[in-house]
N, C-alpha and C. Protein backbone atom coordinates (compact mmCIF):
# COMPACT_ATOMS: atom_id res chain seq x y z
N MET A 1 13.41 -12.04 -24.06
CA MET A 1 12.51 -11.43 -23.11
C MET A 1 12.34 -9.94 -23.38
N ALA A 2 13.44 -9.21 -23.42
CA ALA A 2 13.37 -7.76 -23.60
C ALA A 2 12.78 -7.39 -24.95
N LEU A 3 13.17 -8.13 -25.97
CA LEU A 3 12.67 -7.83 -27.31
C LEU A 3 11.16 -8.05 -27.40
N ASN A 4 10.67 -9.12 -26.79
CA ASN A 4 9.23 -9.38 -26.78
C ASN A 4 8.48 -8.26 -26.09
N LEU A 5 8.97 -7.85 -24.95
CA LEU A 5 8.32 -6.77 -24.18
C LEU A 5 8.31 -5.48 -24.99
N MET A 6 9.43 -5.11 -25.56
CA MET A 6 9.50 -3.87 -26.32
C MET A 6 8.61 -3.93 -27.57
N HIS A 7 8.48 -5.09 -28.17
CA HIS A 7 7.58 -5.24 -29.31
C HIS A 7 6.14 -4.95 -28.91
N ILE A 8 5.72 -5.47 -27.78
CA ILE A 8 4.36 -5.24 -27.29
C ILE A 8 4.16 -3.76 -26.99
N ILE A 9 5.11 -3.14 -26.32
CA ILE A 9 5.01 -1.73 -25.94
C ILE A 9 4.96 -0.84 -27.19
N SER A 10 5.70 -1.22 -28.23
CA SER A 10 5.76 -0.40 -29.45
C SER A 10 4.41 -0.30 -30.15
N GLU A 11 3.49 -1.18 -29.85
CA GLU A 11 2.15 -1.12 -30.43
C GLU A 11 1.31 -0.01 -29.80
N SER A 12 1.78 0.53 -28.66
CA SER A 12 0.97 1.49 -27.91
C SER A 12 1.59 2.88 -27.77
N VAL A 13 2.90 2.98 -27.83
CA VAL A 13 3.56 4.27 -27.64
C VAL A 13 4.63 4.49 -28.70
N GLU A 14 5.06 5.74 -28.84
CA GLU A 14 6.06 6.10 -29.86
C GLU A 14 7.50 5.89 -29.41
N ARG A 15 7.74 6.01 -28.09
CA ARG A 15 9.11 5.89 -27.59
C ARG A 15 9.11 5.11 -26.28
N ALA A 16 10.19 4.35 -26.07
CA ALA A 16 10.35 3.64 -24.81
C ALA A 16 11.82 3.32 -24.59
N VAL A 17 12.20 3.27 -23.32
CA VAL A 17 13.54 2.83 -22.92
C VAL A 17 13.36 1.82 -21.81
N LEU A 18 13.95 0.65 -21.99
CA LEU A 18 13.89 -0.43 -21.01
C LEU A 18 15.19 -0.44 -20.22
N PHE A 19 15.06 -0.36 -18.89
CA PHE A 19 16.21 -0.39 -18.00
C PHE A 19 16.23 -1.70 -17.22
N LEU A 20 17.37 -2.34 -17.18
CA LEU A 20 17.57 -3.52 -16.36
C LEU A 20 17.98 -3.06 -14.97
N VAL A 21 17.35 -3.62 -13.94
CA VAL A 21 17.67 -3.25 -12.57
C VAL A 21 18.88 -4.07 -12.11
N ARG A 22 19.94 -3.38 -11.80
CA ARG A 22 21.15 -3.99 -11.23
C ARG A 22 21.26 -3.51 -9.79
N ARG A 23 22.18 -4.08 -9.06
CA ARG A 23 22.33 -3.71 -7.65
C ARG A 23 22.57 -2.22 -7.46
N ASP A 24 23.47 -1.65 -8.26
CA ASP A 24 23.87 -0.26 -8.06
C ASP A 24 23.42 0.69 -9.15
N ALA A 25 22.83 0.17 -10.22
CA ALA A 25 22.48 1.05 -11.34
C ALA A 25 21.34 0.46 -12.18
N LEU A 26 20.68 1.35 -12.89
CA LEU A 26 19.73 0.97 -13.93
C LEU A 26 20.51 1.06 -15.24
N THR A 27 20.52 -0.01 -16.00
CA THR A 27 21.27 -0.06 -17.25
C THR A 27 20.30 -0.14 -18.42
N ALA A 28 20.44 0.79 -19.35
CA ALA A 28 19.57 0.77 -20.54
C ALA A 28 19.84 -0.51 -21.31
N LEU A 29 18.77 -1.26 -21.54
CA LEU A 29 18.89 -2.55 -22.21
C LEU A 29 18.37 -2.50 -23.64
N GLY A 30 17.44 -1.60 -23.89
CA GLY A 30 16.88 -1.47 -25.22
C GLY A 30 16.01 -0.23 -25.30
N ALA A 31 15.76 0.23 -26.51
CA ALA A 31 14.95 1.44 -26.69
C ALA A 31 14.43 1.49 -28.12
N PHE A 32 13.37 2.25 -28.31
CA PHE A 32 12.90 2.54 -29.66
C PHE A 32 12.36 3.96 -29.68
N GLY A 33 12.23 4.51 -30.88
CA GLY A 33 11.81 5.89 -31.04
C GLY A 33 13.01 6.79 -31.26
N PHE A 34 12.75 8.09 -31.25
CA PHE A 34 13.80 9.06 -31.56
C PHE A 34 13.88 10.14 -30.49
N SER A 35 15.09 10.63 -30.27
CA SER A 35 15.31 11.73 -29.32
C SER A 35 14.77 13.02 -29.92
N ALA A 36 14.80 14.08 -29.14
CA ALA A 36 14.35 15.39 -29.62
C ALA A 36 15.18 15.86 -30.82
N GLU A 37 16.44 15.41 -30.89
CA GLU A 37 17.32 15.78 -32.01
C GLU A 37 17.15 14.86 -33.21
N GLY A 38 16.23 13.90 -33.11
CA GLY A 38 15.98 12.99 -34.22
C GLY A 38 16.90 11.79 -34.28
N LYS A 39 17.68 11.56 -33.25
CA LYS A 39 18.58 10.40 -33.21
C LYS A 39 17.84 9.21 -32.60
N PRO A 40 18.13 8.00 -33.06
CA PRO A 40 17.48 6.82 -32.49
C PRO A 40 17.79 6.68 -31.00
N LEU A 41 16.75 6.47 -30.19
CA LEU A 41 16.96 6.29 -28.75
C LEU A 41 17.83 5.07 -28.46
N ALA A 42 17.74 4.06 -29.30
CA ALA A 42 18.58 2.87 -29.11
C ALA A 42 20.06 3.25 -29.16
N GLU A 43 20.39 4.24 -29.97
CA GLU A 43 21.78 4.71 -30.07
C GLU A 43 22.17 5.59 -28.90
N VAL A 44 21.36 6.60 -28.60
CA VAL A 44 21.75 7.59 -27.58
C VAL A 44 21.69 7.04 -26.16
N THR A 45 20.97 5.94 -25.95
CA THR A 45 20.89 5.37 -24.60
C THR A 45 21.77 4.13 -24.44
N ARG A 46 22.49 3.77 -25.47
CA ARG A 46 23.24 2.51 -25.51
C ARG A 46 24.12 2.27 -24.28
N ALA A 47 24.90 3.19 -23.85
CA ALA A 47 25.80 2.99 -22.72
C ALA A 47 25.29 3.65 -21.43
N LEU A 48 24.02 3.99 -21.41
CA LEU A 48 23.45 4.73 -20.29
C LEU A 48 23.31 3.87 -19.04
N ARG A 49 23.87 4.37 -17.95
CA ARG A 49 23.72 3.75 -16.62
C ARG A 49 23.30 4.85 -15.66
N LEU A 50 22.23 4.59 -14.92
CA LEU A 50 21.72 5.56 -13.95
C LEU A 50 21.86 4.98 -12.55
N SER A 51 22.35 5.77 -11.64
CA SER A 51 22.59 5.31 -10.27
C SER A 51 21.29 4.91 -9.55
N MET A 52 21.33 3.79 -8.87
CA MET A 52 20.19 3.38 -8.03
C MET A 52 20.17 4.16 -6.73
N GLY A 53 21.26 4.86 -6.42
CA GLY A 53 21.34 5.64 -5.19
C GLY A 53 20.61 6.97 -5.27
N ALA A 54 20.27 7.40 -6.46
CA ALA A 54 19.58 8.68 -6.64
C ALA A 54 18.08 8.50 -6.43
N ASP A 55 17.43 9.54 -5.92
CA ASP A 55 15.98 9.52 -5.75
C ASP A 55 15.34 10.16 -6.97
N ASN A 56 14.70 9.33 -7.79
CA ASN A 56 14.00 9.84 -8.97
C ASN A 56 12.84 8.90 -9.28
N VAL A 57 12.06 9.23 -10.27
CA VAL A 57 10.87 8.45 -10.59
C VAL A 57 11.22 7.01 -10.97
N LEU A 58 12.34 6.79 -11.61
CA LEU A 58 12.72 5.44 -12.00
C LEU A 58 13.07 4.59 -10.78
N THR A 59 13.87 5.14 -9.86
CA THR A 59 14.26 4.37 -8.67
C THR A 59 13.08 4.18 -7.72
N ARG A 60 12.16 5.16 -7.68
CA ARG A 60 10.96 4.98 -6.84
C ARG A 60 10.07 3.88 -7.41
N CYS A 61 10.02 3.78 -8.72
CA CYS A 61 9.25 2.73 -9.38
C CYS A 61 9.84 1.35 -9.04
N VAL A 62 11.16 1.26 -9.00
CA VAL A 62 11.82 0.02 -8.60
C VAL A 62 11.49 -0.30 -7.14
N ALA A 63 11.54 0.72 -6.29
CA ALA A 63 11.34 0.51 -4.85
C ALA A 63 9.93 0.06 -4.50
N ASP A 64 8.91 0.67 -5.14
CA ASP A 64 7.53 0.34 -4.73
C ASP A 64 6.75 -0.50 -5.76
N GLY A 65 7.33 -0.72 -6.94
CA GLY A 65 6.68 -1.56 -7.93
C GLY A 65 5.41 -0.99 -8.52
N GLN A 66 5.24 0.34 -8.44
CA GLN A 66 4.01 0.97 -8.92
C GLN A 66 4.25 1.74 -10.22
N PRO A 67 3.35 1.59 -11.19
CA PRO A 67 3.46 2.40 -12.43
C PRO A 67 3.07 3.85 -12.16
N ARG A 68 3.55 4.75 -12.99
CA ARG A 68 3.27 6.17 -12.82
C ARG A 68 3.02 6.84 -14.17
N SER A 69 2.03 7.70 -14.23
CA SER A 69 1.79 8.56 -15.37
C SER A 69 2.04 9.97 -14.89
N LEU A 70 3.01 10.66 -15.51
CA LEU A 70 3.47 11.96 -15.02
C LEU A 70 3.72 12.94 -16.14
N ASN A 71 3.76 14.20 -15.78
CA ASN A 71 4.20 15.24 -16.70
C ASN A 71 5.73 15.19 -16.74
N PHE A 72 6.31 15.23 -17.93
CA PHE A 72 7.75 15.13 -18.11
C PHE A 72 8.50 16.15 -17.24
N ASP A 73 8.00 17.38 -17.21
CA ASP A 73 8.69 18.45 -16.47
C ASP A 73 8.64 18.25 -14.96
N GLN A 74 7.68 17.50 -14.47
CA GLN A 74 7.53 17.28 -13.04
C GLN A 74 7.86 15.84 -12.63
N ALA A 75 8.33 15.04 -13.56
CA ALA A 75 8.54 13.62 -13.30
C ALA A 75 9.75 13.32 -12.42
N GLY A 76 10.67 14.25 -12.34
CA GLY A 76 11.87 13.99 -11.54
C GLY A 76 12.75 12.94 -12.19
N LEU A 77 12.86 12.98 -13.51
CA LEU A 77 13.74 12.07 -14.22
C LEU A 77 15.19 12.49 -14.00
N PRO A 78 16.12 11.55 -14.01
CA PRO A 78 17.54 11.93 -13.89
C PRO A 78 17.90 12.88 -15.03
N PRO A 79 18.61 13.96 -14.74
CA PRO A 79 18.94 14.95 -15.79
C PRO A 79 19.67 14.34 -16.98
N GLU A 80 20.59 13.42 -16.74
CA GLU A 80 21.33 12.82 -17.85
C GLU A 80 20.40 12.03 -18.79
N PHE A 81 19.31 11.50 -18.25
CA PHE A 81 18.34 10.79 -19.08
C PHE A 81 17.40 11.76 -19.78
N SER A 82 16.84 12.71 -19.03
CA SER A 82 15.87 13.64 -19.62
C SER A 82 16.50 14.47 -20.74
N GLU A 83 17.78 14.79 -20.61
CA GLU A 83 18.46 15.53 -21.67
C GLU A 83 18.66 14.67 -22.93
N LEU A 84 18.89 13.38 -22.74
CA LEU A 84 19.06 12.48 -23.89
C LEU A 84 17.77 12.29 -24.67
N VAL A 85 16.66 12.02 -23.96
CA VAL A 85 15.42 11.73 -24.67
C VAL A 85 14.70 12.99 -25.13
N GLY A 86 14.78 14.04 -24.35
CA GLY A 86 14.07 15.26 -24.68
C GLY A 86 12.60 15.17 -24.31
N ARG A 87 11.99 16.31 -24.11
CA ARG A 87 10.60 16.38 -23.69
C ARG A 87 9.66 15.92 -24.81
N PRO A 88 8.72 15.02 -24.49
CA PRO A 88 7.74 14.63 -25.51
C PRO A 88 6.80 15.80 -25.82
N ARG A 89 6.25 15.81 -27.00
CA ARG A 89 5.41 16.91 -27.45
C ARG A 89 4.26 17.23 -26.49
N ASN A 90 3.57 16.19 -26.02
CA ASN A 90 2.44 16.43 -25.13
C ASN A 90 2.84 16.48 -23.65
N GLY A 91 4.10 16.23 -23.35
CA GLY A 91 4.60 16.33 -21.98
C GLY A 91 4.33 15.14 -21.10
N GLN A 92 3.57 14.16 -21.58
CA GLN A 92 3.18 13.03 -20.74
C GLN A 92 4.18 11.88 -20.84
N THR A 93 4.47 11.29 -19.69
CA THR A 93 5.31 10.10 -19.63
C THR A 93 4.62 9.04 -18.77
N VAL A 94 4.93 7.80 -19.04
CA VAL A 94 4.49 6.70 -18.20
C VAL A 94 5.72 5.86 -17.89
N VAL A 95 5.92 5.58 -16.61
CA VAL A 95 7.02 4.75 -16.15
C VAL A 95 6.40 3.57 -15.42
N PHE A 96 6.80 2.37 -15.78
CA PHE A 96 6.23 1.21 -15.10
C PHE A 96 7.28 0.13 -14.86
N PRO A 97 7.05 -0.65 -13.79
CA PRO A 97 7.97 -1.74 -13.47
C PRO A 97 7.62 -3.03 -14.21
N VAL A 98 8.60 -3.88 -14.37
CA VAL A 98 8.38 -5.24 -14.83
C VAL A 98 8.74 -6.12 -13.63
N LEU A 99 7.75 -6.85 -13.15
CA LEU A 99 7.93 -7.63 -11.94
C LEU A 99 8.40 -9.03 -12.27
N GLY A 100 9.44 -9.47 -11.53
CA GLY A 100 9.88 -10.85 -11.60
C GLY A 100 9.20 -11.63 -10.50
N SER A 101 9.68 -12.78 -10.20
CA SER A 101 9.04 -13.61 -9.18
C SER A 101 9.21 -13.05 -7.77
N GLU A 102 10.30 -12.29 -7.55
CA GLU A 102 10.56 -11.79 -6.20
C GLU A 102 10.76 -10.28 -6.11
N ARG A 103 10.98 -9.63 -7.25
CA ARG A 103 11.28 -8.20 -7.21
C ARG A 103 11.09 -7.57 -8.58
N VAL A 104 11.23 -6.26 -8.63
CA VAL A 104 11.21 -5.55 -9.90
C VAL A 104 12.52 -5.86 -10.63
N ILE A 105 12.41 -6.37 -11.86
CA ILE A 105 13.61 -6.74 -12.61
C ILE A 105 13.97 -5.71 -13.69
N SER A 106 12.99 -4.91 -14.09
CA SER A 106 13.21 -3.87 -15.11
C SER A 106 12.24 -2.73 -14.87
N VAL A 107 12.60 -1.58 -15.44
CA VAL A 107 11.72 -0.41 -15.43
C VAL A 107 11.66 0.10 -16.87
N VAL A 108 10.46 0.49 -17.30
CA VAL A 108 10.28 0.98 -18.67
C VAL A 108 9.77 2.42 -18.63
N TYR A 109 10.48 3.29 -19.33
CA TYR A 109 10.06 4.68 -19.53
C TYR A 109 9.37 4.72 -20.88
N THR A 110 8.18 5.34 -20.96
CA THR A 110 7.48 5.48 -22.24
C THR A 110 6.91 6.88 -22.40
N ASP A 111 6.78 7.31 -23.66
CA ASP A 111 6.05 8.54 -23.99
C ASP A 111 5.68 8.48 -25.46
N ASN A 112 5.03 9.50 -25.96
CA ASN A 112 4.61 9.51 -27.36
C ASN A 112 5.43 10.46 -28.23
N GLY A 113 6.63 10.79 -27.80
CA GLY A 113 7.57 11.54 -28.63
C GLY A 113 6.97 12.76 -29.29
N SER A 114 7.02 12.80 -30.61
CA SER A 114 6.54 13.96 -31.36
C SER A 114 5.03 13.95 -31.59
N SER A 115 4.36 12.90 -31.17
CA SER A 115 2.90 12.82 -31.32
C SER A 115 2.22 13.59 -30.19
N SER A 116 1.09 14.19 -30.48
CA SER A 116 0.35 14.88 -29.42
C SER A 116 -0.68 13.96 -28.76
N ARG A 117 -0.75 12.71 -29.21
CA ARG A 117 -1.70 11.75 -28.66
C ARG A 117 -1.36 11.43 -27.21
N ALA A 118 -2.36 11.45 -26.37
CA ALA A 118 -2.17 11.16 -24.94
C ALA A 118 -2.02 9.66 -24.72
N ILE A 119 -1.36 9.31 -23.65
CA ILE A 119 -1.20 7.90 -23.28
C ILE A 119 -2.36 7.45 -22.41
N GLU A 120 -3.25 8.35 -22.02
CA GLU A 120 -4.33 7.96 -21.12
C GLU A 120 -5.29 6.94 -21.72
N ASP A 121 -5.27 6.74 -23.02
CA ASP A 121 -6.12 5.71 -23.61
C ASP A 121 -5.43 4.35 -23.63
N ILE A 122 -4.29 4.29 -23.03
CA ILE A 122 -3.54 3.05 -22.99
C ILE A 122 -3.49 2.54 -21.55
N GLU A 123 -3.86 1.34 -21.36
CA GLU A 123 -3.82 0.75 -20.02
C GLU A 123 -2.59 -0.13 -19.93
N LEU A 124 -1.70 0.20 -19.02
CA LEU A 124 -0.51 -0.60 -18.81
C LEU A 124 -0.62 -1.26 -17.45
N SER A 125 -0.48 -2.55 -17.42
CA SER A 125 -0.48 -3.21 -16.12
C SER A 125 0.56 -4.31 -16.12
N ILE A 126 1.31 -4.35 -15.07
CA ILE A 126 2.34 -5.36 -14.90
C ILE A 126 1.92 -6.21 -13.71
N TRP A 127 1.91 -7.49 -13.88
CA TRP A 127 1.47 -8.35 -12.80
C TRP A 127 2.19 -9.68 -12.88
N ARG A 128 2.11 -10.43 -11.81
CA ARG A 128 2.72 -11.74 -11.77
C ARG A 128 1.66 -12.82 -11.97
N ARG A 129 1.91 -13.70 -12.87
CA ARG A 129 0.99 -14.80 -13.12
C ARG A 129 1.51 -16.02 -12.37
N ARG A 130 0.69 -16.55 -11.51
CA ARG A 130 1.10 -17.68 -10.69
C ARG A 130 0.50 -18.97 -11.24
N SER A 131 1.26 -20.00 -11.16
CA SER A 131 0.79 -21.31 -11.59
C SER A 131 1.12 -22.30 -10.50
N SER A 132 0.24 -23.23 -10.28
CA SER A 132 0.50 -24.22 -9.24
C SER A 132 1.61 -25.18 -9.67
N PHE A 133 1.97 -25.17 -10.97
CA PHE A 133 2.98 -26.09 -11.46
C PHE A 133 4.36 -25.48 -11.61
N SER A 134 4.46 -24.16 -11.48
CA SER A 134 5.77 -23.53 -11.65
C SER A 134 5.87 -22.29 -10.77
N ASN A 135 7.05 -21.74 -10.76
CA ASN A 135 7.27 -20.49 -10.02
C ASN A 135 6.53 -19.36 -10.72
N ALA A 136 6.47 -18.22 -10.06
CA ALA A 136 5.83 -17.05 -10.67
C ALA A 136 6.56 -16.69 -11.95
N THR A 137 5.81 -16.34 -12.97
CA THR A 137 6.37 -15.95 -14.25
C THR A 137 6.03 -14.50 -14.51
N PRO A 138 7.04 -13.66 -14.78
CA PRO A 138 6.72 -12.26 -15.06
C PRO A 138 5.90 -12.15 -16.34
N THR A 139 4.88 -11.33 -16.28
CA THR A 139 3.98 -11.16 -17.41
C THR A 139 3.69 -9.68 -17.60
N CYS A 140 3.57 -9.26 -18.82
CA CYS A 140 3.21 -7.88 -19.12
C CYS A 140 1.98 -7.89 -19.98
N ALA A 141 0.96 -7.17 -19.55
CA ALA A 141 -0.24 -7.04 -20.38
C ALA A 141 -0.37 -5.59 -20.79
N VAL A 142 -0.55 -5.36 -22.06
CA VAL A 142 -0.70 -4.01 -22.57
C VAL A 142 -1.95 -3.99 -23.42
N ALA A 143 -2.91 -3.18 -23.04
CA ALA A 143 -4.12 -3.05 -23.85
C ALA A 143 -4.18 -1.64 -24.39
N SER A 144 -4.42 -1.51 -25.67
CA SER A 144 -4.47 -0.20 -26.30
C SER A 144 -5.82 -0.01 -26.96
N SER A 145 -6.47 1.08 -26.66
CA SER A 145 -7.73 1.35 -27.33
C SER A 145 -7.49 1.73 -28.78
N ARG A 146 -6.27 2.17 -29.10
CA ARG A 146 -5.94 2.52 -30.47
C ARG A 146 -6.06 1.30 -31.36
N SER A 147 -5.61 0.16 -30.90
CA SER A 147 -5.68 -1.04 -31.72
C SER A 147 -6.85 -1.92 -31.34
N SER A 148 -7.59 -1.54 -30.28
CA SER A 148 -8.75 -2.28 -29.81
C SER A 148 -8.44 -3.75 -29.59
N MET A 149 -7.25 -4.02 -29.06
CA MET A 149 -6.89 -5.39 -28.78
C MET A 149 -6.01 -5.46 -27.56
N SER A 150 -5.96 -6.62 -26.97
CA SER A 150 -5.07 -6.86 -25.85
C SER A 150 -3.98 -7.80 -26.32
N SER A 151 -2.78 -7.52 -25.88
CA SER A 151 -1.66 -8.41 -26.17
C SER A 151 -1.07 -8.82 -24.85
N MET A 152 -0.78 -10.07 -24.71
CA MET A 152 -0.16 -10.54 -23.49
C MET A 152 0.97 -11.47 -23.87
N ALA A 153 2.11 -11.29 -23.25
CA ALA A 153 3.24 -12.16 -23.56
C ALA A 153 3.96 -12.51 -22.28
N ARG A 154 4.17 -13.79 -22.08
CA ARG A 154 5.05 -14.17 -20.99
C ARG A 154 6.43 -13.74 -21.40
N LEU A 155 7.18 -13.19 -20.48
CA LEU A 155 8.48 -12.63 -20.82
C LEU A 155 9.51 -13.69 -21.15
N ASP A 156 9.23 -14.95 -20.86
CA ASP A 156 10.20 -16.00 -21.18
C ASP A 156 9.79 -16.82 -22.39
N GLU A 157 8.77 -16.38 -23.13
CA GLU A 157 8.32 -17.10 -24.32
C GLU A 157 8.42 -16.20 -25.54
N PRO A 158 8.60 -16.79 -26.73
CA PRO A 158 8.60 -15.98 -27.94
C PRO A 158 7.22 -15.37 -28.17
N LEU A 159 7.20 -14.20 -28.73
CA LEU A 159 5.94 -13.52 -29.03
C LEU A 159 5.36 -14.11 -30.30
N SER A 160 4.11 -14.51 -30.25
CA SER A 160 3.46 -14.98 -31.47
C SER A 160 2.53 -13.89 -31.97
N VAL A 161 2.74 -13.47 -33.19
CA VAL A 161 1.98 -12.37 -33.77
C VAL A 161 1.06 -12.90 -34.84
């Protein structure tokens, strides 16, 4: 599930960190791209756990299920996270939820790292696909004008490329 989602996201942005929502913390589950120091985000975020008790853009995204496009300096990211990833060159970040059948199950932080390309040409939408034959299935649709294509993957199916 996580690998499929991150593969789709990697077609649109330079960096991302996927957090699994736990009762008391957000746990980094996967990442791609590089920190400001040039280290792989997958390495520097490996043991990262962020408290769900803190008020920040990630926990607000979990609470209301709404995606956000923000300036890095004004995003209200947890200091321990913002110091690890470092400010993206253009300052823009997008944080969005991954919805399960009943709640937000993950939160994804994205930016374009050392690229000056804006994320505003990328449409990110997370929605639940309902079927009369099964329970709600979490789905992520990412459309990028850069690739002029839409990719959609059910989070419980292998990605076909």
